[in-house]
Amino acid sequence: MSSLTEKDRPIVQLLLNAGTCPRCILRFCCVGSQVLYRHPHKDLMKDLQEFLKNNEAEEETVCLDVADPPCKRIRLEHREEGADDQNRNGAIPQIPEADSGNAAMEGSAAKVCNVCLGILQEFCEADFVKKVCQKVNSADYQFTSFVFSVSLPPQLSVRERAAWLGVKQEMRNLGLPLAKDDIVQLKEAYKWIIHPQLSEELGVPADGKSLFEVSVVFAHPETDEECHFLATACPDCFKPAKNKQSVFTRMAVIKALEKIKEEDFLKHFPCPPSSPKKLCDALEIQCSNGAVFVAGRYNKYSRNLPQTPWIIDGERKLESSVEELISEHLMAEFKADSFNFSSSGREDVDVRTLGNGRPFAMELVNPRRIHFTAEEMKRLQQAINDSSDKIQVRDLQLVTREAIGRMKEGEEEKTKTYSALIRTDKAIQREDIAFLDDIKELKLDQKTPLRVLHRRPLAVRCRLIHTMRSEYIDEHHFRLHLKTQAGTYIKEFVHGDFGRTKPNIGSLLNRTADILELDVESVDVDWPPTLAD
């Protein structure tokens, strides 16, 4: 166990006189025992007062453990736990007057801490913990653990620096060293106190790797301007950002504090810092779940359905899309805030996707529900399929973020199979198209098609037609089955796009060719895993 020793006596005396709370005093004394910070505020204050009253010659240390204490030692220990103790943990109680009548010590018990601005006082007690838990429970999230995060006012870093400089000077006068890195950080101490209480109230453990986050945002309007002098001393540290309401962010303030000289800091800020009149405000208590990822394959049977919403200049061109038909059900079941849809390539609005379908993935942002059995996923898949005859979904399953990378890798590396219905201006016979079946690994140079030039950069892309197989229909029509490199523009390969794709079916047949229908027959990406029916 860590202990307060004689070298800590001047730190305790200095900070108590300045209006610092007991837990911040423990921090500046570099006490690393988590249990001690959870002791009631009133008990800690009494222990510190008794520690200062001990005669230095009679007692050299005060033990901070639960062993039986020898005579004339005062311990910072667990008291008998009852209803009163639970309710006053972290409160700011009035301390009965000590025998010594030390007014400074007594005053510090009633004041808002001049360093933490009350965070290690009022916001450690049971009432605030219950308030946080009520917020979490009312949000109706599924979770099996939680991670707790705190956003502190940037001026706290300024006050911490001022207190440290005062302690540092006091220790220097006594010829004793004190490293700033040894001081327990405010966030760390706060989590030591709050984690067990939240865990007990919520019934789940705290876990730094949990995807469920409970966050509290603190503010202290009374002292908001205390860090403004840093902008004059270190202007390079404070640059406006589009997504920030103020340039005085916590990171910018910390950067400036690392840069400013001690003597310049002391010219602008009192050391030790003065006590504020009011506590911090808990501006926001929020909770959120990490994203959940769902993957599957979809078939599209309509030639009048875009993959994603078709909106031009704010006007919707078609009433629905593949994305919306799938997301409507997933959003409702997972109770998510929003979603992000991705797939292995995309088809045009008038192109069908047949065969085993096209792999897709959907990121569901901040879902309330995250646990689904395989049977529940099957029912969800069936609900999607029953809702429309335009699409069908298969192999619907939960996946990890990392697994989605396999789908994206396949976009360029894998092959795709198409079926195109082609019309020619001049009459054709079977023998006129038979030679197409013998062409293998045909290299194309495809300049960005005119129809997508508004959203794709102008470039010449080299693509491969691996194989072709023709089916004669009549004098002006035939069907062509193609296996191609992913990313090949099939429509342009047929009609040539005014010479922007070379060679093309028209140039190979020496006549004008156009495409009437196009179907995607397979997307050869081995993901997501096939599920048993």
Protein backbone atom coordinates (compact mmCIF):
# COMPACT_ATOMS: atom_id res chain seq x y z
CA MET A 1 0.00 0.00 0.00
CA SER A 2 1.09 3.54 -0.66
CA SER A 3 1.46 5.78 2.39
CA LEU A 4 1.71 9.43 3.29
CA THR A 5 5.11 10.21 4.73
CA GLU A 6 6.75 13.25 6.25
CA LYS A 7 7.72 14.53 2.81
CA ASP A 8 4.00 14.72 1.96
CA ARG A 9 3.21 16.92 4.98
CA PRO A 10 4.03 20.26 3.25
CA ILE A 11 2.00 19.23 0.18
CA VAL A 12 -1.02 18.36 2.31
CA GLN A 13 -0.69 21.61 4.28
CA LEU A 14 -0.26 23.78 1.18
CA LEU A 15 -3.17 22.28 -0.76
CA LEU A 16 -5.58 22.14 2.18
CA ASN A 17 -4.93 25.81 2.87
CA ALA A 18 -5.54 26.59 -0.81
CA GLY A 19 -8.95 24.86 -0.86
CA THR A 20 -8.01 21.59 -2.54
CA CYS A 21 -10.19 18.52 -1.97
CA PRO A 22 -8.76 15.42 -0.23
CA ARG A 23 -8.75 13.29 -3.36
CA CYS A 24 -6.77 15.86 -5.33
CA ILE A 25 -4.35 16.05 -2.40
CA LEU A 26 -3.87 12.29 -2.64
CA ARG A 27 -3.22 12.71 -6.36
CA PHE A 28 -0.52 15.31 -5.77
CA CYS A 29 1.01 13.08 -3.10
CA CYS A 30 1.26 10.42 -5.82
CA VAL A 31 -0.92 7.95 -3.91
CA GLY A 32 -1.68 5.11 -6.32
CA SER A 33 -4.04 2.96 -4.24
CA GLN A 34 -7.41 2.93 -6.02
CA VAL A 35 -9.28 1.87 -2.88
CA LEU A 36 -8.28 5.00 -0.97
CA TYR A 37 -9.95 7.32 -3.47
CA ARG A 38 -13.26 5.50 -2.89
CA HIS A 39 -13.33 6.39 0.81
CA PRO A 40 -15.95 8.97 1.80
CA HIS A 41 -14.87 12.57 1.35
CA LYS A 42 -15.59 13.40 5.00
CA ASP A 43 -13.40 10.56 6.28
CA LEU A 44 -10.54 11.53 4.00
CA MET A 45 -10.71 15.11 5.23
CA LYS A 46 -10.61 14.03 8.88
CA ASP A 47 -7.67 11.75 8.21
CA LEU A 48 -5.70 14.50 6.51
CA GLN A 49 -6.37 16.88 9.38
CA GLU A 50 -5.22 14.31 11.91
CA PHE A 51 -2.16 13.64 9.79
CA LEU A 52 -1.17 17.30 9.99
CA LYS A 53 -1.72 17.41 13.77
CA ASN A 54 0.65 14.54 14.41
CA ASN A 55 3.94 15.64 15.81
CA GLU A 56 6.66 15.05 13.25
CA ALA A 57 9.05 13.89 15.92
CA GLU A 58 6.55 11.38 17.30
CA GLU A 59 5.24 9.91 14.07
CA GLU A 60 7.01 9.56 10.74
CA THR A 61 4.30 7.96 8.59
CA VAL A 62 0.59 7.47 8.32
CA CYS A 63 -0.30 4.04 6.99
CA LEU A 64 -2.81 3.88 4.19
CA ASP A 65 -3.89 0.26 4.64
CA VAL A 66 -6.28 -1.77 6.72
CA ALA A 67 -3.82 -3.33 9.18
CA ASP A 68 -4.30 -2.64 12.90
CA PRO A 69 -2.67 0.75 13.50
CA PRO A 70 -0.09 1.35 16.21
CA CYS A 71 -0.58 4.13 18.71
CA LYS A 72 -0.63 7.71 17.43
CA ARG A 73 -1.21 6.69 13.77
CA ILE A 74 -4.19 7.74 11.76
CA ARG A 75 -5.28 5.53 8.89
CA LEU A 76 -7.09 6.39 5.66
CA GLU A 77 -9.26 3.31 5.75
CA HIS A 78 -12.70 1.87 5.06
CA ARG A 79 -15.28 2.92 7.63
CA GLU A 80 -18.31 0.92 8.65
CA GLU A 81 -20.50 0.89 5.56
CA GLY A 82 -24.08 1.94 6.15
CA ALA A 83 -26.73 3.95 4.35
CA ASP A 84 -25.19 7.24 5.45
CA ASP A 85 -21.73 6.27 4.17
CA GLN A 86 -23.07 5.23 0.77
CA ASN A 87 -24.92 8.47 0.29
CA ARG A 88 -22.03 10.72 1.28
CA ASN A 89 -19.29 9.11 -0.79
CA GLY A 90 -17.73 12.01 -2.64
CA ALA A 91 -20.05 14.64 -1.14
CA ILE A 92 -18.82 18.00 0.13
CA PRO A 93 -19.72 17.77 3.81
CA GLN A 94 -19.06 20.26 6.55
CA ILE A 95 -16.29 18.98 8.82
CA PRO A 96 -16.71 19.52 12.56
CA GLU A 97 -14.17 21.92 13.89
CA ALA A 98 -10.87 20.21 14.57
CA ASP A 99 -9.33 20.50 18.00
CA SER A 100 -6.68 22.78 16.58
CA GLY A 101 -9.29 25.16 15.22
CA ASN A 102 -7.48 25.40 11.93
CA ALA A 103 -9.82 27.64 9.93
CA ALA A 104 -8.13 26.99 6.61
CA MET A 105 -8.65 23.26 6.91
CA GLU A 106 -12.26 23.62 7.95
CA GLY A 107 -12.99 26.02 5.14
CA SER A 108 -11.56 23.67 2.55
CA ALA A 109 -14.15 21.05 3.48
CA ALA A 110 -17.01 23.30 2.40
CA LYS A 111 -15.43 24.78 -0.72
CA VAL A 112 -15.51 23.59 -4.28
CA CYS A 113 -12.06 22.17 -4.99
CA ASN A 114 -9.77 24.72 -6.61
CA VAL A 115 -8.18 22.02 -8.80
CA CYS A 116 -10.87 19.53 -9.92
CA LEU A 117 -13.74 22.07 -9.69
CA GLY A 118 -15.83 19.54 -7.77
CA ILE A 119 -15.49 16.52 -10.06
CA LEU A 120 -13.84 14.43 -7.34
CA GLN A 121 -16.41 15.69 -4.85
CA GLU A 122 -20.05 16.01 -5.88
CA PHE A 123 -19.80 13.83 -8.98
CA CYS A 124 -18.44 10.82 -7.11
CA GLU A 125 -21.43 10.35 -4.86
CA ALA A 126 -24.24 7.84 -5.21
CA ASP A 127 -26.86 10.34 -6.42
CA PHE A 128 -24.86 11.23 -9.51
CA VAL A 129 -24.05 7.58 -10.25
CA LYS A 130 -27.76 6.78 -10.11
CA LYS A 131 -28.49 9.67 -12.46
CA VAL A 132 -26.00 8.27 -14.99
CA CYS A 133 -27.45 4.76 -14.68
CA GLN A 134 -31.01 6.04 -15.11
CA LYS A 135 -29.91 7.66 -18.36
CA VAL A 136 -28.30 4.42 -19.54
CA ASN A 137 -31.29 2.24 -18.61
CA SER A 138 -33.80 4.59 -20.22
CA ALA A 139 -31.86 4.45 -23.51
CA ASP A 140 -32.71 0.72 -23.76
CA TYR A 141 -29.36 -0.59 -25.03
CA GLN A 142 -28.18 -4.20 -25.06
CA PHE A 143 -24.71 -4.49 -23.50
CA THR A 144 -22.66 -6.96 -21.47
CA SER A 145 -19.94 -4.53 -20.34
CA PHE A 146 -19.19 -0.83 -20.58
CA VAL A 147 -16.37 1.63 -21.02
CA PHE A 148 -16.65 4.96 -19.20
CA SER A 149 -15.29 8.15 -20.74
CA VAL A 150 -15.07 11.67 -19.36
CA SER A 151 -14.72 14.99 -21.16
CA LEU A 152 -13.20 17.62 -18.88
CA PRO A 153 -13.20 21.42 -19.24
CA PRO A 154 -9.89 22.54 -20.77
CA GLN A 155 -9.28 25.03 -17.94
CA LEU A 156 -8.81 22.10 -15.55
CA SER A 157 -5.42 21.54 -17.17
CA VAL A 158 -4.50 25.15 -16.39
CA ARG A 159 -5.53 24.79 -12.75
CA GLU A 160 -3.68 21.50 -12.48
CA ARG A 161 -0.53 23.15 -13.79
CA ALA A 162 -0.88 26.04 -11.31
CA ALA A 163 -1.32 23.65 -8.38
CA TRP A 164 1.64 21.57 -9.51
CA LEU A 165 3.90 24.61 -9.78
CA GLY A 166 2.95 25.58 -6.22
CA VAL A 167 3.68 22.09 -4.92
CA LYS A 168 6.87 21.91 -6.94
CA GLN A 169 8.12 25.17 -5.41
CA GLU A 170 7.29 23.99 -1.91
CA MET A 171 9.17 20.73 -2.44
CA ARG A 172 12.10 22.58 -3.99
CA ASN A 173 12.38 24.77 -0.90
CA LEU A 174 12.65 21.59 1.17
CA GLY A 175 15.18 20.09 -1.21
CA LEU A 176 12.82 17.28 -2.23
CA PRO A 177 12.15 16.14 -5.83
CA LEU A 178 8.69 15.91 -7.42
CA ALA A 179 8.08 14.70 -10.98
CA LYS A 180 4.88 15.81 -12.68
CA ASP A 181 4.46 12.38 -14.26
CA ASP A 182 4.16 10.84 -10.78
CA ILE A 183 0.95 12.76 -10.05
CA VAL A 184 -2.20 10.66 -10.53
CA GLN A 185 -4.24 12.05 -13.42
CA LEU A 186 -7.69 13.43 -12.62
CA LYS A 187 -9.46 11.19 -15.15
CA GLU A 188 -7.74 8.12 -13.80
CA ALA A 189 -8.67 8.89 -10.20
CA TYR A 190 -12.26 9.65 -11.19
CA LYS A 191 -12.61 6.32 -12.98
CA TRP A 192 -11.13 4.49 -9.98
CA ILE A 193 -13.99 5.91 -7.91
CA ILE A 194 -16.83 5.73 -10.42
CA HIS A 195 -16.19 2.36 -12.12
CA PRO A 196 -17.16 0.11 -9.18
CA GLN A 197 -20.29 2.13 -8.49
CA LEU A 198 -21.44 2.08 -12.12
CA SER A 199 -20.61 -1.60 -12.43
CA GLU A 200 -22.65 -2.48 -9.36
CA GLU A 201 -25.61 -0.33 -10.41
CA LEU A 202 -25.64 -1.55 -14.04
CA GLY A 203 -24.84 -5.16 -13.19
CA VAL A 204 -22.04 -5.51 -15.76
CA PRO A 205 -18.25 -5.06 -15.56
CA ALA A 206 -16.24 -2.09 -16.75
CA ASP A 207 -14.05 -3.09 -19.72
CA GLY A 208 -11.72 -0.80 -21.61
CA LYS A 209 -12.37 -2.78 -24.81
CA SER A 210 -16.16 -2.71 -24.54
CA LEU A 211 -18.12 -1.40 -27.54
CA PHE A 212 -20.72 0.16 -25.24
CA GLU A 213 -19.62 3.59 -24.05
CA VAL A 214 -21.06 5.71 -21.26
CA SER A 215 -19.74 9.26 -21.44
CA VAL A 216 -20.10 12.36 -19.31
CA VAL A 217 -19.26 15.86 -20.55
CA PHE A 218 -18.36 18.38 -17.85
CA ALA A 219 -18.27 22.16 -18.19
CA HIS A 220 -17.54 25.05 -15.84
CA PRO A 221 -18.78 28.35 -17.32
CA GLU A 222 -17.50 30.36 -14.34
CA THR A 223 -13.86 29.64 -15.27
CA ASP A 224 -14.18 29.30 -19.07
CA GLU A 225 -11.93 32.28 -19.75
CA GLU A 226 -9.05 31.10 -17.57
CA CYS A 227 -7.16 29.53 -20.45
CA HIS A 228 -7.55 32.49 -22.82
CA PHE A 229 -4.19 34.00 -21.83
CA LEU A 230 -2.52 31.00 -23.47
CA ALA A 231 -3.73 32.16 -26.89
CA THR A 232 -1.61 35.30 -26.50
CA ALA A 233 1.40 33.46 -25.11
CA CYS A 234 1.23 30.55 -27.60
CA PRO A 235 -0.87 31.63 -30.62
CA ASP A 236 0.40 28.75 -32.79
CA CYS A 237 -1.36 26.26 -30.54
CA PHE A 238 -4.83 27.66 -31.17
CA LYS A 239 -6.04 27.36 -34.73
CA PRO A 240 -9.71 27.42 -35.76
CA ALA A 241 -11.20 24.12 -36.88
CA LYS A 242 -14.44 23.65 -38.81
CA ASN A 243 -15.88 21.08 -36.43
CA LYS A 244 -14.86 22.84 -33.20
CA GLN A 245 -16.96 25.53 -31.54
CA SER A 246 -13.95 26.97 -29.71
CA VAL A 247 -10.21 27.05 -30.37
CA PHE A 248 -9.66 26.32 -26.67
CA THR A 249 -9.83 22.57 -26.91
CA ARG A 250 -8.29 20.40 -24.24
CA MET A 251 -5.52 19.21 -26.54
CA ALA A 252 -4.71 22.77 -27.67
CA VAL A 253 -4.50 23.91 -24.04
CA ILE A 254 -2.24 20.99 -23.08
CA LYS A 255 0.01 21.75 -26.05
CA ALA A 256 0.26 25.40 -24.99
CA LEU A 257 1.00 24.44 -21.38
CA GLU A 258 3.87 22.27 -22.57
CA LYS A 259 5.23 25.18 -24.55
CA ILE A 260 4.83 28.14 -22.17
CA LYS A 261 7.65 28.95 -19.73
CA GLU A 262 6.92 28.69 -16.02
CA GLU A 263 7.68 32.33 -15.35
CA ASP A 264 5.32 33.44 -18.12
CA PHE A 265 2.58 31.18 -16.81
CA LEU A 266 2.91 32.58 -13.28
CA LYS A 267 2.58 36.14 -14.58
CA HIS A 268 -0.92 35.37 -15.87
CA PHE A 269 -2.36 32.80 -13.47
CA PRO A 270 -2.47 32.63 -9.66
CA CYS A 271 -0.55 29.90 -7.92
CA PRO A 272 -2.20 28.15 -6.19
CA PRO A 273 -5.47 28.68 -8.12
CA SER A 274 -8.37 30.37 -6.36
CA SER A 275 -11.48 28.46 -5.27
CA PRO A 276 -14.49 28.78 -7.58
CA LYS A 277 -17.96 29.60 -6.34
CA LYS A 278 -19.79 26.85 -8.23
CA LEU A 279 -19.34 23.19 -9.09
CA CYS A 280 -18.86 21.87 -12.60
CA ASP A 281 -21.97 21.16 -14.64
CA ALA A 282 -22.56 17.71 -16.12
CA LEU A 283 -23.65 19.05 -19.50
CA GLU A 284 -24.28 15.70 -21.17
CA ILE A 285 -24.66 12.10 -20.11
CA GLN A 286 -24.60 9.99 -23.23
CA CYS A 287 -24.33 6.34 -24.17
CA SER A 288 -23.62 4.66 -27.46
CA ASN A 289 -22.91 1.22 -28.86
CA GLY A 290 -20.18 0.43 -31.32
CA ALA A 291 -21.32 -0.31 -34.85
CA VAL A 292 -22.68 -3.74 -35.78
CA PHE A 293 -22.02 -5.16 -39.25
CA VAL A 294 -24.42 -7.32 -41.23
CA ALA A 295 -23.51 -9.00 -44.52
CA GLY A 296 -25.26 -11.08 -47.14
CA ARG A 297 -25.94 -11.36 -50.86
CA TYR A 298 -28.80 -9.78 -52.75
CA ASN A 299 -30.52 -10.57 -56.02
CA LYS A 300 -32.18 -7.75 -57.94
CA TYR A 301 -34.99 -8.78 -60.30
CA SER A 302 -36.24 -5.35 -61.37
CA ARG A 303 -34.96 -3.30 -64.30
CA ASN A 304 -36.32 -0.17 -62.69
CA LEU A 305 -34.57 -0.21 -59.31
CA PRO A 306 -31.29 1.57 -58.45
CA GLN A 307 -28.86 0.10 -55.94
CA THR A 308 -28.86 3.30 -53.85
CA PRO A 309 -31.41 6.14 -53.68
CA TRP A 310 -31.51 7.98 -57.02
CA ILE A 311 -31.77 11.63 -56.12
CA ILE A 312 -30.69 14.45 -58.44
CA ASP A 313 -30.74 18.09 -57.31
CA GLY A 314 -32.83 17.08 -54.31
CA GLU A 315 -35.46 15.35 -56.45
CA ARG A 316 -36.06 11.61 -56.08
CA LYS A 317 -36.21 9.89 -59.47
CA LEU A 318 -37.41 6.45 -58.35
CA GLU A 319 -39.40 5.55 -55.27
CA SER A 320 -37.05 2.98 -53.77
CA SER A 321 -33.66 1.23 -54.03
CA VAL A 322 -31.95 -2.02 -53.07
CA GLU A 323 -30.29 -0.22 -50.16
CA GLU A 324 -33.58 1.06 -48.78
CA LEU A 325 -35.47 -2.21 -49.15
CA ILE A 326 -32.81 -3.96 -47.06
CA SER A 327 -31.98 -1.19 -44.58
CA GLU A 328 -35.61 -0.54 -43.64
CA HIS A 329 -35.80 -3.90 -41.86
CA LEU A 330 -32.30 -3.91 -40.43
CA MET A 331 -32.68 -0.42 -38.97
CA ALA A 332 -35.96 -1.37 -37.30
CA GLU A 333 -34.67 -4.62 -35.78
CA PHE A 334 -31.30 -3.32 -34.62
CA LYS A 335 -32.79 0.04 -33.53
CA ALA A 336 -29.82 1.89 -35.02
CA ASP A 337 -29.37 5.63 -35.53
CA SER A 338 -28.13 5.34 -39.11
CA PHE A 339 -26.40 2.99 -41.53
CA ASN A 340 -23.72 2.79 -44.20
CA PHE A 341 -24.27 0.47 -47.17
CA SER A 342 -21.49 -1.03 -49.26
CA SER A 343 -21.28 -3.80 -51.82
CA SER A 344 -18.93 -5.64 -54.15
CA GLY A 345 -19.48 -3.36 -57.14
CA ARG A 346 -22.83 -2.07 -58.31
CA GLU A 347 -25.26 -2.60 -61.16
CA ASP A 348 -27.11 0.04 -63.19
CA VAL A 349 -30.74 0.74 -62.49
CA ASP A 350 -31.82 -1.33 -65.54
CA VAL A 351 -29.53 -4.30 -64.84
CA ARG A 352 -30.66 -7.39 -62.96
CA THR A 353 -28.43 -9.32 -60.54
CA LEU A 354 -29.11 -13.06 -60.70
CA GLY A 355 -27.32 -16.26 -59.67
CA ASN A 356 -25.98 -16.26 -56.12
CA GLY A 357 -26.37 -12.51 -55.91
CA ARG A 358 -24.04 -9.63 -55.10
CA PRO A 359 -22.20 -9.48 -51.74
CA PHE A 360 -23.15 -6.51 -49.58
CA ALA A 361 -22.48 -5.26 -46.07
CA MET A 362 -24.29 -2.77 -43.88
CA GLU A 363 -22.80 -0.89 -40.95
CA LEU A 364 -25.48 -0.14 -38.36
CA VAL A 365 -24.45 2.90 -36.33
CA ASN A 366 -25.20 3.05 -32.60
CA PRO A 367 -27.59 0.07 -32.48
CA ARG A 368 -29.67 -0.48 -29.35
CA ARG A 369 -30.03 -4.19 -30.04
CA ILE A 370 -26.89 -6.16 -30.89
CA HIS A 371 -27.54 -9.81 -29.99
CA PHE A 372 -29.26 -12.00 -32.60
CA THR A 373 -29.37 -15.77 -32.85
CA ALA A 374 -28.93 -17.56 -36.18
CA GLU A 375 -32.65 -18.31 -36.16
CA GLU A 376 -33.52 -14.64 -35.60
CA MET A 377 -31.29 -13.64 -38.52
CA LYS A 378 -33.12 -16.17 -40.72
CA ARG A 379 -36.45 -14.65 -39.74
CA LEU A 380 -35.11 -11.18 -40.49
CA GLN A 381 -33.93 -12.36 -43.91
CA GLN A 382 -37.36 -13.83 -44.61
CA ALA A 383 -39.05 -10.58 -43.61
CA ILE A 384 -36.93 -8.68 -46.14
CA ASN A 385 -37.72 -11.20 -48.86
CA ASP A 386 -41.45 -11.17 -48.12
CA SER A 387 -41.62 -7.38 -48.30
CA SER A 388 -40.78 -7.03 -52.02
CA ASP A 389 -40.65 -9.02 -55.25
CA LYS A 390 -37.91 -6.74 -56.55
CA ILE A 391 -35.10 -8.15 -54.43
CA GLN A 392 -34.17 -11.26 -52.45
CA VAL A 393 -31.52 -11.61 -49.78
CA ARG A 394 -29.55 -14.71 -48.80
CA ASP A 395 -26.78 -15.65 -46.33
CA LEU A 396 -27.71 -12.77 -44.00
CA GLN A 397 -25.32 -12.84 -41.03
CA LEU A 398 -23.43 -10.78 -38.47
CA VAL A 399 -19.78 -10.14 -39.40
CA THR A 400 -16.84 -8.16 -38.07
CA ARG A 401 -15.53 -4.89 -39.45
CA GLU A 402 -12.33 -6.65 -40.49
CA ALA A 403 -14.22 -9.28 -42.50
CA ILE A 404 -15.75 -6.61 -44.75
CA GLY A 405 -12.25 -6.01 -46.13
CA ARG A 406 -12.49 -9.35 -47.94
CA MET A 407 -15.46 -8.08 -49.93
CA LYS A 408 -13.61 -4.93 -50.97
CA GLU A 409 -10.50 -6.89 -51.93
CA GLY A 410 -12.61 -8.98 -54.28
CA GLU A 411 -13.96 -5.98 -56.18
CA GLU A 412 -10.85 -5.66 -58.34
CA GLU A 413 -9.29 -9.10 -58.00
CA LYS A 414 -12.25 -11.34 -58.82
CA THR A 415 -14.21 -12.01 -61.99
CA LYS A 416 -17.83 -11.36 -62.90
CA THR A 417 -20.12 -13.12 -65.33
CA TYR A 418 -22.71 -11.30 -67.45
CA SER A 419 -25.41 -12.06 -69.97
CA ALA A 420 -26.10 -9.37 -72.59
CA LEU A 421 -28.92 -9.22 -75.15
CA ILE A 422 -27.44 -7.49 -78.22
CA ARG A 423 -29.04 -6.01 -81.36
CA THR A 424 -27.16 -5.34 -84.60
CA ASP A 425 -28.15 -2.93 -87.36
CA LYS A 426 -27.14 -5.36 -90.13
CA ALA A 427 -28.44 -8.89 -90.38
CA ILE A 428 -26.25 -11.62 -88.92
CA GLN A 429 -26.00 -15.39 -89.29
CA ARG A 430 -24.72 -17.91 -86.74
CA GLU A 431 -21.35 -18.06 -88.39
CA ASP A 432 -20.96 -14.27 -88.13
CA ILE A 433 -20.77 -14.42 -84.35
CA ALA A 434 -19.26 -17.90 -83.82
CA PHE A 435 -15.69 -16.53 -83.74
CA LEU A 436 -16.47 -14.66 -80.50
CA ASP A 437 -16.47 -18.00 -78.67
CA ASP A 438 -12.79 -18.52 -79.53
CA ILE A 439 -11.57 -15.18 -78.19
CA LYS A 440 -9.73 -15.48 -74.87
CA GLU A 441 -8.22 -12.80 -72.61
CA LEU A 442 -9.23 -9.92 -74.86
CA LYS A 443 -7.57 -6.70 -73.69
CA LEU A 444 -9.67 -3.53 -73.64
CA ASP A 445 -8.79 0.13 -73.30
CA GLN A 446 -11.78 1.83 -71.72
CA LYS A 447 -11.89 5.58 -71.42
CA THR A 448 -14.23 6.72 -68.67
CA PRO A 449 -17.76 6.32 -70.13
CA LEU A 450 -19.66 9.46 -70.99
CA ARG A 451 -22.58 8.35 -68.78
CA VAL A 452 -20.43 8.33 -65.62
CA LEU A 453 -18.01 11.11 -66.48
CA HIS A 454 -19.85 13.51 -64.15
CA ARG A 455 -18.89 11.38 -61.13
CA ARG A 456 -15.74 9.53 -62.21
CA PRO A 457 -12.34 10.99 -63.14
CA LEU A 458 -11.30 10.90 -66.79
CA ALA A 459 -8.92 7.99 -67.30
CA VAL A 460 -8.16 5.07 -69.59
CA ARG A 461 -8.61 1.74 -67.79
CA CYS A 462 -7.20 -1.53 -69.08
CA ARG A 463 -9.62 -4.43 -68.62
CA LEU A 464 -9.84 -8.08 -69.68
CA ILE A 465 -12.64 -10.10 -71.26
CA HIS A 466 -11.62 -13.58 -70.17
CA THR A 467 -14.14 -15.58 -72.24
CA MET A 468 -17.25 -15.10 -74.40
CA ARG A 469 -20.01 -17.45 -75.51
CA SER A 470 -22.63 -16.43 -78.07
CA GLU A 471 -26.24 -17.62 -78.51
CA TYR A 472 -27.84 -16.81 -81.89
CA ILE A 473 -31.46 -15.65 -81.65
CA ASP A 474 -32.40 -14.15 -85.03
CA GLU A 475 -30.98 -11.97 -87.81
CA HIS A 476 -30.64 -8.93 -85.56
CA HIS A 477 -30.36 -10.39 -82.05
CA PHE A 478 -28.01 -12.61 -80.12
CA ARG A 479 -27.14 -13.18 -76.49
CA LEU A 480 -23.55 -12.95 -75.32
CA HIS A 481 -22.29 -14.55 -72.10
CA LEU A 482 -19.11 -12.91 -70.82
CA LYS A 483 -16.65 -13.61 -68.03
CA THR A 484 -14.73 -10.43 -67.34
CA GLN A 485 -12.34 -8.71 -65.01
CA ALA A 486 -14.18 -6.82 -62.25
CA GLY A 487 -14.67 -3.19 -63.16
CA THR A 488 -15.28 -3.75 -66.88
CA TYR A 489 -17.95 -1.51 -68.42
CA ILE A 490 -20.04 -4.10 -70.33
CA LYS A 491 -22.47 -1.71 -72.04
CA GLU A 492 -19.58 0.26 -73.48
CA PHE A 493 -17.85 -2.93 -74.62
CA VAL A 494 -20.95 -3.70 -76.68
CA HIS A 495 -21.70 -0.34 -78.35
CA GLY A 496 -18.22 1.21 -78.14
CA ASP A 497 -19.24 4.51 -76.47
CA PHE A 498 -18.37 6.53 -79.60
CA GLY A 499 -14.99 4.86 -79.85
CA ARG A 500 -14.04 5.35 -76.17
CA THR A 501 -13.84 1.55 -75.61
CA LYS A 502 -11.53 -0.32 -77.98
CA PRO A 503 -12.06 -2.96 -79.23
CA ASN A 504 -15.82 -3.44 -78.86
CA ILE A 505 -18.46 -5.82 -80.20
CA GLY A 506 -19.40 -3.36 -82.94
CA SER A 507 -15.83 -3.15 -84.21
CA LEU A 508 -15.32 -6.91 -83.93
CA LEU A 509 -18.48 -7.61 -85.98
CA ASN A 510 -17.89 -4.64 -88.30
CA ARG A 511 -21.37 -3.29 -87.74
CA THR A 512 -23.28 -1.18 -85.24
CA ALA A 513 -24.21 -3.07 -82.07
CA ASP A 514 -26.32 -1.99 -79.14
CA ILE A 515 -27.25 -3.59 -75.83
CA LEU A 516 -30.92 -4.16 -75.01
CA GLU A 517 -30.66 -6.03 -71.70
CA LEU A 518 -27.89 -6.84 -69.27
CA ASP A 519 -27.87 -9.29 -66.36
CA VAL A 520 -25.18 -9.97 -63.79
CA GLU A 521 -25.08 -13.78 -63.54
CA SER A 522 -22.37 -14.10 -60.89
CA VAL A 523 -20.03 -12.03 -58.75
CA ASP A 524 -17.14 -14.37 -57.99
CA VAL A 525 -16.29 -13.18 -54.49
CA ASP A 526 -16.12 -15.97 -51.91
CA TRP A 527 -17.74 -13.87 -49.20
CA PRO A 528 -19.76 -13.84 -47.03
CA PRO A 529 -19.78 -17.53 -46.10
CA THR A 530 -22.69 -19.52 -47.50
CA LEU A 531 -25.22 -20.49 -44.83
CA ALA A 532 -27.25 -23.66 -44.73
CA ASP A 533 -30.91 -23.21 -45.56
